[in-house]
Amino acid sequence: MIPIADNIASLRKPIINYFFIGINIALFLWEVKLEVAGELTNFIQHWGIVPAHLSAVMSDALSGDNPAAWFAVLIVSSSLLSAMFLHSSFSQILGNLLFLFVFGKGVENVLGHRRYLIFYLICGLLTGIVQVLAEPTLSVPFIGANGAIASVIGAYLLNFPKAKIDAIIPLIVVFIPIKLPAFFFLFWWFVQQVFYGIGSLKISSAVNPVNIPYWTHGIGLALGVILARLMVKYKPSTAIY
């Protein structure tokens, strides 16, 4: 099931949404280049969210008198931002960007450009923090825009609960067009993540353990609903708040 468009008219061009899509594509191409050079594993370990690394530097900073320890916290914490623009497979980035393209423009329309930029980054950062708190000793990195996009979907459904989504069902060489309620894709968003291992890049260490991201993305969904309601600039007549 591939979403391709919605039936919500946009009042403004979603330039921030296009900006996020462009960054994700550019960095994924960089990852592919690093994979060819055999340097991708180190890159992901450094720029992905590794809960054990974050927990260790935070513990050192809180237990010691060394101001430099807080600088280390700042450096390592930058992974909370960078990780949301990295992906581990072709299927993960394709799925994420399709949902971002379809649902993000409506949310940007409601929030406005600046607030949408802040909304997306805050949701991604908070979801990353939840992943660290859920398993602080885990040495496996988390990467992907999944948490931020779950928030975008939550904000979209809050404002456009009756929207219809144009989608296609791929059947080998035949593509069947259909129109489905937006709420269906809340369910489909979680189902499709089972297939995110398809087309994986060659990363020596494991990434994105399945048992943790699923429920943290649920928290991302809730964050999107809460923040969208607080930050809304233009409330559509279809909104359920």
C-alpha atoms as a PDB file:
ATOM      1  CA  MET A   1       0.000   0.000   0.000  1.00  0.00           C
ATOM      2  CA  ILE A   2       1.716   3.170  -1.201  1.00  0.00           C
ATOM      3  CA  PRO A   3       0.248   6.590  -0.270  1.00  0.00           C
ATOM      4  CA  ILE A   4       0.806   9.210  -2.959  1.00  0.00           C
ATOM      5  CA  ALA A   5      -1.428  12.226  -2.203  1.00  0.00           C
ATOM      6  CA  ASP A   6      -4.300  13.542  -0.097  1.00  0.00           C
ATOM      7  CA  ASN A   7      -7.385  15.591  -0.899  1.00  0.00           C
ATOM      8  CA  ILE A   8      -6.444  18.574   1.282  1.00  0.00           C
ATOM      9  CA  ALA A   9      -5.775  21.811  -0.585  1.00  0.00           C
ATOM     10  CA  SER A  10      -2.572  23.585   0.482  1.00  0.00           C
ATOM     11  CA  LEU A  11      -2.665  27.323   1.160  1.00  0.00           C
ATOM     12  CA  ARG A  12       1.117  27.615   0.932  1.00  0.00           C
ATOM     13  CA  LYS A  13       3.959  25.686  -0.658  1.00  0.00           C
ATOM     14  CA  PRO A  14       5.433  23.202   1.893  1.00  0.00           C
ATOM     15  CA  ILE A  15       9.020  24.414   1.536  1.00  0.00           C
ATOM     16  CA  ILE A  16      10.142  23.114   4.940  1.00  0.00           C
ATOM     17  CA  ASN A  17       8.727  19.683   4.185  1.00  0.00           C
ATOM     18  CA  TYR A  18      10.620  19.638   0.883  1.00  0.00           C
ATOM     19  CA  PHE A  19      13.722  20.790   2.768  1.00  0.00           C
ATOM     20  CA  PHE A  20      13.496  17.829   5.178  1.00  0.00           C
ATOM     21  CA  ILE A  21      12.949  15.400   2.304  1.00  0.00           C
ATOM     22  CA  GLY A  22      15.983  16.818   0.504  1.00  0.00           C
ATOM     23  CA  ILE A  23      18.242  16.501   3.573  1.00  0.00           C
ATOM     24  CA  ASN A  24      17.196  12.892   4.125  1.00  0.00           C
ATOM     25  CA  ILE A  25      17.894  11.982   0.500  1.00  0.00           C
ATOM     26  CA  ALA A  26      21.259  13.775   0.439  1.00  0.00           C
ATOM     27  CA  LEU A  27      22.465  12.082   3.634  1.00  0.00           C
ATOM     28  CA  PHE A  28      21.269   8.676   2.486  1.00  0.00           C
ATOM     29  CA  LEU A  29      23.297   9.064  -0.707  1.00  0.00           C
ATOM     30  CA  TRP A  30      26.267   9.953   1.507  1.00  0.00           C
ATOM     31  CA  GLU A  31      25.641   6.771   3.507  1.00  0.00           C
ATOM     32  CA  VAL A  32      25.683   4.729   0.297  1.00  0.00           C
ATOM     33  CA  LYS A  33      29.020   6.319  -0.600  1.00  0.00           C
ATOM     34  CA  LEU A  34      30.392   5.448   2.859  1.00  0.00           C
ATOM     35  CA  GLU A  35      29.111   1.885   2.488  1.00  0.00           C
ATOM     36  CA  VAL A  36      31.107   1.483  -0.721  1.00  0.00           C
ATOM     37  CA  ALA A  37      34.195   2.842   1.079  1.00  0.00           C
ATOM     38  CA  GLY A  38      33.660   0.504   4.060  1.00  0.00           C
ATOM     39  CA  GLU A  39      33.248   3.418   6.472  1.00  0.00           C
ATOM     40  CA  LEU A  40      29.501   3.301   7.139  1.00  0.00           C
ATOM     41  CA  THR A  41      29.567   1.349  10.415  1.00  0.00           C
ATOM     42  CA  ASN A  42      31.805   3.895  12.161  1.00  0.00           C
ATOM     43  CA  PHE A  43      29.700   6.734  10.773  1.00  0.00           C
ATOM     44  CA  ILE A  44      26.462   5.239  12.144  1.00  0.00           C
ATOM     45  CA  GLN A  45      28.048   4.489  15.520  1.00  0.00           C
ATOM     46  CA  HIS A  46      29.142   8.113  15.784  1.00  0.00           C
ATOM     47  CA  TRP A  47      26.065   9.915  14.431  1.00  0.00           C
ATOM     48  CA  GLY A  48      23.333   7.468  15.424  1.00  0.00           C
ATOM     49  CA  ILE A  49      21.750   7.463  18.886  1.00  0.00           C
ATOM     50  CA  VAL A  50      23.667   4.989  21.053  1.00  0.00           C
ATOM     51  CA  PRO A  51      21.947   5.048  24.479  1.00  0.00           C
ATOM     52  CA  ALA A  52      24.976   3.626  26.308  1.00  0.00           C
ATOM     53  CA  HIS A  53      27.210   6.445  25.020  1.00  0.00           C
ATOM     54  CA  LEU A  54      24.752   9.155  26.017  1.00  0.00           C
ATOM     55  CA  SER A  55      24.158   7.606  29.433  1.00  0.00           C
ATOM     56  CA  ALA A  56      27.896   7.283  30.107  1.00  0.00           C
ATOM     57  CA  VAL A  57      28.818  10.883  29.293  1.00  0.00           C
ATOM     58  CA  MET A  58      25.822  12.217  31.212  1.00  0.00           C
ATOM     59  CA  SER A  59      26.776  10.131  34.235  1.00  0.00           C
ATOM     60  CA  ASP A  60      30.357  11.430  34.088  1.00  0.00           C
ATOM     61  CA  ALA A  61      29.165  15.023  33.844  1.00  0.00           C
ATOM     62  CA  LEU A  62      26.794  14.707  36.805  1.00  0.00           C
ATOM     63  CA  SER A  63      29.257  12.868  39.053  1.00  0.00           C
ATOM     64  CA  GLY A  64      32.401  14.946  38.448  1.00  0.00           C
ATOM     65  CA  ASP A  65      33.678  18.516  38.691  1.00  0.00           C
ATOM     66  CA  ASN A  66      35.205  18.571  35.230  1.00  0.00           C
ATOM     67  CA  PRO A  67      33.476  21.232  33.051  1.00  0.00           C
ATOM     68  CA  ALA A  68      34.856  19.500  29.955  1.00  0.00           C
ATOM     69  CA  ALA A  69      32.515  16.605  30.695  1.00  0.00           C
ATOM     70  CA  TRP A  70      29.558  18.831  29.805  1.00  0.00           C
ATOM     71  CA  PHE A  71      31.188  19.635  26.494  1.00  0.00           C
ATOM     72  CA  ALA A  72      31.311  15.883  25.843  1.00  0.00           C
ATOM     73  CA  VAL A  73      27.588  15.713  26.681  1.00  0.00           C
ATOM     74  CA  LEU A  74      26.935  18.422  24.104  1.00  0.00           C
ATOM     75  CA  ILE A  75      28.947  16.608  21.424  1.00  0.00           C
ATOM     76  CA  VAL A  76      27.404  13.184  22.019  1.00  0.00           C
ATOM     77  CA  SER A  77      23.894  14.649  22.340  1.00  0.00           C
ATOM     78  CA  SER A  78      24.174  16.020  18.810  1.00  0.00           C
ATOM     79  CA  SER A  79      23.392  12.469  17.695  1.00  0.00           C
ATOM     80  CA  LEU A  80      19.794  13.050  18.841  1.00  0.00           C
ATOM     81  CA  LEU A  81      19.516  15.505  15.956  1.00  0.00           C
ATOM     82  CA  SER A  82      21.656  13.783  13.342  1.00  0.00           C
ATOM     83  CA  ALA A  83      20.080  10.342  13.825  1.00  0.00           C
ATOM     84  CA  MET A  84      16.668  11.513  12.627  1.00  0.00           C
ATOM     85  CA  PHE A  85      18.131  12.236   9.180  1.00  0.00           C
ATOM     86  CA  LEU A  86      19.909   8.876   8.734  1.00  0.00           C
ATOM     87  CA  HIS A  87      18.431   5.581   7.529  1.00  0.00           C
ATOM     88  CA  SER A  88      19.560   1.977   7.522  1.00  0.00           C
ATOM     89  CA  SER A  89      17.879   0.700   4.346  1.00  0.00           C
ATOM     90  CA  PHE A  90      16.307   1.709   1.054  1.00  0.00           C
ATOM     91  CA  SER A  91      12.900   0.538   2.281  1.00  0.00           C
ATOM     92  CA  GLN A  92      13.152   2.595   5.470  1.00  0.00           C
ATOM     93  CA  ILE A  93      13.945   5.870   3.736  1.00  0.00           C
ATOM     94  CA  LEU A  94      11.421   5.246   0.943  1.00  0.00           C
ATOM     95  CA  GLY A  95       8.634   4.470   3.411  1.00  0.00           C
ATOM     96  CA  ASN A  96       9.491   7.413   5.654  1.00  0.00           C
ATOM     97  CA  LEU A  97       9.722   9.958   2.858  1.00  0.00           C
ATOM     98  CA  LEU A  98       6.492   8.824   1.207  1.00  0.00           C
ATOM     99  CA  PHE A  99       4.610   9.382   4.464  1.00  0.00           C
ATOM    100  CA  LEU A 100       6.415  12.661   5.056  1.00  0.00           C
ATOM    101  CA  PHE A 101       5.560  13.875   1.549  1.00  0.00           C
ATOM    102  CA  VAL A 102       1.865  12.997   1.837  1.00  0.00           C
ATOM    103  CA  PHE A 103       1.174  14.018   5.455  1.00  0.00           C
ATOM    104  CA  GLY A 104       3.820  16.654   6.130  1.00  0.00           C
ATOM    105  CA  LYS A 105       2.470  19.279   3.747  1.00  0.00           C
ATOM    106  CA  GLY A 106      -0.895  19.368   5.527  1.00  0.00           C
ATOM    107  CA  VAL A 107       0.757  19.805   8.919  1.00  0.00           C
ATOM    108  CA  GLU A 108       3.035  22.537   7.588  1.00  0.00           C
ATOM    109  CA  ASN A 109      -0.045  24.250   6.170  1.00  0.00           C
ATOM    110  CA  VAL A 110      -1.647  24.270   9.632  1.00  0.00           C
ATOM    111  CA  LEU A 111       1.447  25.258  11.612  1.00  0.00           C
ATOM    112  CA  GLY A 112       3.188  27.580   9.154  1.00  0.00           C
ATOM    113  CA  HIS A 113       6.773  27.196   7.942  1.00  0.00           C
ATOM    114  CA  ARG A 114       8.678  28.252  11.069  1.00  0.00           C
ATOM    115  CA  ARG A 115       6.497  26.383  13.539  1.00  0.00           C
ATOM    116  CA  TYR A 116       6.577  23.251  11.404  1.00  0.00           C
ATOM    117  CA  LEU A 117      10.378  23.353  11.391  1.00  0.00           C
ATOM    118  CA  ILE A 118      10.420  23.624  15.195  1.00  0.00           C
ATOM    119  CA  PHE A 119       7.665  21.011  15.568  1.00  0.00           C
ATOM    120  CA  TYR A 120       9.492  18.404  13.477  1.00  0.00           C
ATOM    121  CA  LEU A 121      12.837  18.861  15.217  1.00  0.00           C
ATOM    122  CA  ILE A 122      11.354  18.864  18.727  1.00  0.00           C
ATOM    123  CA  CYS A 123       9.345  15.710  18.050  1.00  0.00           C
ATOM    124  CA  GLY A 124      12.396  13.937  16.630  1.00  0.00           C
ATOM    125  CA  LEU A 125      14.588  14.995  19.550  1.00  0.00           C
ATOM    126  CA  LEU A 126      12.050  14.013  22.221  1.00  0.00           C
ATOM    127  CA  THR A 127      11.446  10.629  20.600  1.00  0.00           C
ATOM    128  CA  GLY A 128      15.209  10.057  20.600  1.00  0.00           C
ATOM    129  CA  ILE A 129      15.399  10.931  24.298  1.00  0.00           C
ATOM    130  CA  VAL A 130      12.601   8.455  25.037  1.00  0.00           C
ATOM    131  CA  GLN A 131      14.577   5.742  23.227  1.00  0.00           C
ATOM    132  CA  VAL A 132      17.598   6.476  25.415  1.00  0.00           C
ATOM    133  CA  LEU A 133      15.547   6.445  28.618  1.00  0.00           C
ATOM    134  CA  ALA A 134      13.856   3.189  27.595  1.00  0.00           C
ATOM    135  CA  GLU A 135      17.161   1.276  27.404  1.00  0.00           C
ATOM    136  CA  PRO A 136      20.050   3.434  28.717  1.00  0.00           C
ATOM    137  CA  THR A 137      22.663   0.651  28.528  1.00  0.00           C
ATOM    138  CA  LEU A 138      21.940  -0.378  24.947  1.00  0.00           C
ATOM    139  CA  SER A 139      24.972  -0.185  22.639  1.00  0.00           C
ATOM    140  CA  VAL A 140      22.963  -0.591  19.423  1.00  0.00           C
ATOM    141  CA  PRO A 141      22.375   2.685  17.505  1.00  0.00           C
ATOM    142  CA  PHE A 142      18.975   4.061  16.569  1.00  0.00           C
ATOM    143  CA  ILE A 143      18.631   5.912  13.278  1.00  0.00           C
ATOM    144  CA  GLY A 144      15.726   7.055  11.143  1.00  0.00           C
ATOM    145  CA  ALA A 145      13.048   9.731  10.888  1.00  0.00           C
ATOM    146  CA  ASN A 146      10.406   7.299  12.165  1.00  0.00           C
ATOM    147  CA  GLY A 147       9.696   9.111  15.439  1.00  0.00           C
ATOM    148  CA  ALA A 148       9.361  12.543  13.835  1.00  0.00           C
ATOM    149  CA  ILE A 149       7.135  11.201  11.063  1.00  0.00           C
ATOM    150  CA  ALA A 150       4.913   9.391  13.575  1.00  0.00           C
ATOM    151  CA  SER A 151       4.422  12.832  15.154  1.00  0.00           C
ATOM    152  CA  VAL A 152       3.565  14.316  11.755  1.00  0.00           C
ATOM    153  CA  ILE A 153       0.938  11.615  11.217  1.00  0.00           C
ATOM    154  CA  GLY A 154      -0.553  12.294  14.661  1.00  0.00           C
ATOM    155  CA  ALA A 155      -0.748  16.037  13.943  1.00  0.00           C
ATOM    156  CA  TYR A 156      -2.296  15.376  10.530  1.00  0.00           C
ATOM    157  CA  LEU A 157      -5.036  13.117  11.887  1.00  0.00           C
ATOM    158  CA  LEU A 158      -5.820  15.655  14.609  1.00  0.00           C
ATOM    159  CA  ASN A 159      -6.443  18.346  12.010  1.00  0.00           C
ATOM    160  CA  PHE A 160      -7.742  16.314   9.058  1.00  0.00           C
ATOM    161  CA  PRO A 161      -9.455  13.217  10.499  1.00  0.00           C
ATOM    162  CA  LYS A 162     -11.797  12.838   7.502  1.00  0.00           C
ATOM    163  CA  ALA A 163      -9.153  13.287   4.810  1.00  0.00           C
ATOM    164  CA  LYS A 164      -8.952  10.780   1.971  1.00  0.00           C
ATOM    165  CA  ILE A 165      -5.590   9.473   0.796  1.00  0.00           C
ATOM    166  CA  ASP A 166      -4.901   8.418  -2.771  1.00  0.00           C
ATOM    167  CA  ALA A 167      -2.813   5.251  -2.752  1.00  0.00           C
ATOM    168  CA  ILE A 168      -1.767   2.456  -5.081  1.00  0.00           C
ATOM    169  CA  ILE A 169      -1.531  -1.282  -4.495  1.00  0.00           C
ATOM    170  CA  PRO A 170       1.456  -2.747  -6.377  1.00  0.00           C
ATOM    171  CA  LEU A 171       0.698  -6.192  -7.843  1.00  0.00           C
ATOM    172  CA  ILE A 172       3.888  -7.250  -9.641  1.00  0.00           C
ATOM    173  CA  VAL A 173       3.644  -5.043 -12.771  1.00  0.00           C
ATOM    174  CA  VAL A 174       0.097  -3.736 -12.176  1.00  0.00           C
ATOM    175  CA  PHE A 175      -0.667  -0.780  -9.880  1.00  0.00           C
ATOM    176  CA  ILE A 176      -4.253  -0.488  -8.643  1.00  0.00           C
ATOM    177  CA  PRO A 177      -5.317   3.043  -7.578  1.00  0.00           C
ATOM    178  CA  ILE A 178      -7.554   3.326  -4.496  1.00  0.00           C
ATOM    179  CA  LYS A 179      -8.721   5.999  -2.070  1.00  0.00           C
ATOM    180  CA  LEU A 180      -8.592   5.294   1.686  1.00  0.00           C
ATOM    181  CA  PRO A 181      -9.374   7.167   4.922  1.00  0.00           C
ATOM    182  CA  ALA A 182      -6.365   8.882   6.508  1.00  0.00           C
ATOM    183  CA  PHE A 183      -6.862   6.874   9.719  1.00  0.00           C
ATOM    184  CA  PHE A 184      -6.085   3.654   7.825  1.00  0.00           C
ATOM    185  CA  PHE A 185      -2.527   4.863   7.326  1.00  0.00           C
ATOM    186  CA  LEU A 186      -2.032   5.244  11.073  1.00  0.00           C
ATOM    187  CA  PHE A 187      -2.377   1.460  11.220  1.00  0.00           C
ATOM    188  CA  TRP A 188      -0.410   0.911   8.010  1.00  0.00           C
ATOM    189  CA  TRP A 189       2.446   3.111   9.245  1.00  0.00           C
ATOM    190  CA  PHE A 190       3.244   0.619  12.012  1.00  0.00           C
ATOM    191  CA  VAL A 191       2.661  -2.466   9.840  1.00  0.00           C
ATOM    192  CA  GLN A 192       5.026  -1.348   7.072  1.00  0.00           C
ATOM    193  CA  GLN A 193       7.942  -0.960   9.481  1.00  0.00           C
ATOM    194  CA  VAL A 194       8.204  -4.744   9.587  1.00  0.00           C
ATOM    195  CA  PHE A 195       9.580  -4.490   6.040  1.00  0.00           C
ATOM    196  CA  TYR A 196      12.175  -1.800   6.756  1.00  0.00           C
ATOM    197  CA  GLY A 197      14.969  -4.358   6.667  1.00  0.00           C
ATOM    198  CA  ILE A 198      14.543  -4.786   2.893  1.00  0.00           C
ATOM    199  CA  GLY A 199      17.461  -3.294   1.005  1.00  0.00           C
ATOM    200  CA  SER A 200      19.552  -2.786   4.129  1.00  0.00           C
ATOM    201  CA  LEU A 201      22.895  -1.058   3.892  1.00  0.00           C
ATOM    202  CA  LYS A 202      25.949  -3.020   5.001  1.00  0.00           C
ATOM    203  CA  ILE A 203      26.382  -1.979   8.635  1.00  0.00           C
ATOM    204  CA  SER A 204      28.511  -4.383  10.668  1.00  0.00           C
ATOM    205  CA  SER A 205      26.648  -3.752  13.931  1.00  0.00           C
ATOM    206  CA  ALA A 206      22.906  -4.125  14.391  1.00  0.00           C
ATOM    207  CA  VAL A 207      20.693  -1.033  14.252  1.00  0.00           C
ATOM    208  CA  ASN A 208      17.160  -0.160  15.374  1.00  0.00           C
ATOM    209  CA  PRO A 209      16.173  -3.076  17.660  1.00  0.00           C
ATOM    210  CA  VAL A 210      12.497  -3.660  16.855  1.00  0.00           C
ATOM    211  CA  ASN A 211      11.123  -4.112  20.393  1.00  0.00           C
ATOM    212  CA  ILE A 212      11.956  -0.541  21.482  1.00  0.00           C
ATOM    213  CA  PRO A 213      11.153   1.677  18.460  1.00  0.00           C
ATOM    214  CA  TYR A 214       7.597   0.392  18.076  1.00  0.00           C
ATOM    215  CA  TRP A 215       6.267   1.755  21.347  1.00  0.00           C
ATOM    216  CA  THR A 216       8.505   4.852  21.299  1.00  0.00           C
ATOM    217  CA  HIS A 217       7.025   5.739  17.915  1.00  0.00           C
ATOM    218  CA  GLY A 218       3.652   5.518  19.614  1.00  0.00           C
ATOM    219  CA  ILE A 219       4.917   8.173  22.002  1.00  0.00           C
ATOM    220  CA  GLY A 220       6.043  10.183  18.976  1.00  0.00           C
ATOM    221  CA  LEU A 221       2.477   9.985  17.671  1.00  0.00           C
ATOM    222  CA  ALA A 222       1.151  11.368  20.976  1.00  0.00           C
ATOM    223  CA  LEU A 223       3.778  14.125  20.979  1.00  0.00           C
ATOM    224  CA  GLY A 224       2.640  15.173  17.525  1.00  0.00           C
ATOM    225  CA  VAL A 225      -0.958  15.484  18.693  1.00  0.00           C
ATOM    226  CA  ILE A 226      -0.031  17.513  21.782  1.00  0.00           C
ATOM    227  CA  LEU A 227       2.449  19.870  20.121  1.00  0.00           C
ATOM    228  CA  ALA A 228       0.297  20.444  17.035  1.00  0.00           C
ATOM    229  CA  ARG A 229      -2.571  21.571  19.228  1.00  0.00           C
ATOM    230  CA  LEU A 230      -0.299  23.919  21.182  1.00  0.00           C
ATOM    231  CA  MET A 231       1.481  25.337  18.135  1.00  0.00           C
ATOM    232  CA  VAL A 232      -1.363  25.577  15.618  1.00  0.00           C
ATOM    233  CA  LYS A 233      -1.440  28.774  13.549  1.00  0.00           C
ATOM    234  CA  TYR A 234      -4.416  28.008  11.326  1.00  0.00           C
ATOM    235  CA  LYS A 235      -7.114  25.681  12.676  1.00  0.00           C
ATOM    236  CA  PRO A 236      -8.976  23.932   9.864  1.00  0.00           C
ATOM    237  CA  SER A 237     -12.718  23.380  10.158  1.00  0.00           C
ATOM    238  CA  THR A 238     -12.112  19.624  10.177  1.00  0.00           C
ATOM    239  CA  ALA A 239      -9.937  19.694  13.334  1.00  0.00           C
ATOM    240  CA  ILE A 240     -11.119  17.588  16.291  1.00  0.00           C
ATOM    241  CA  TYR A 241      -9.986  19.990  19.043  1.00  0.00           C
END
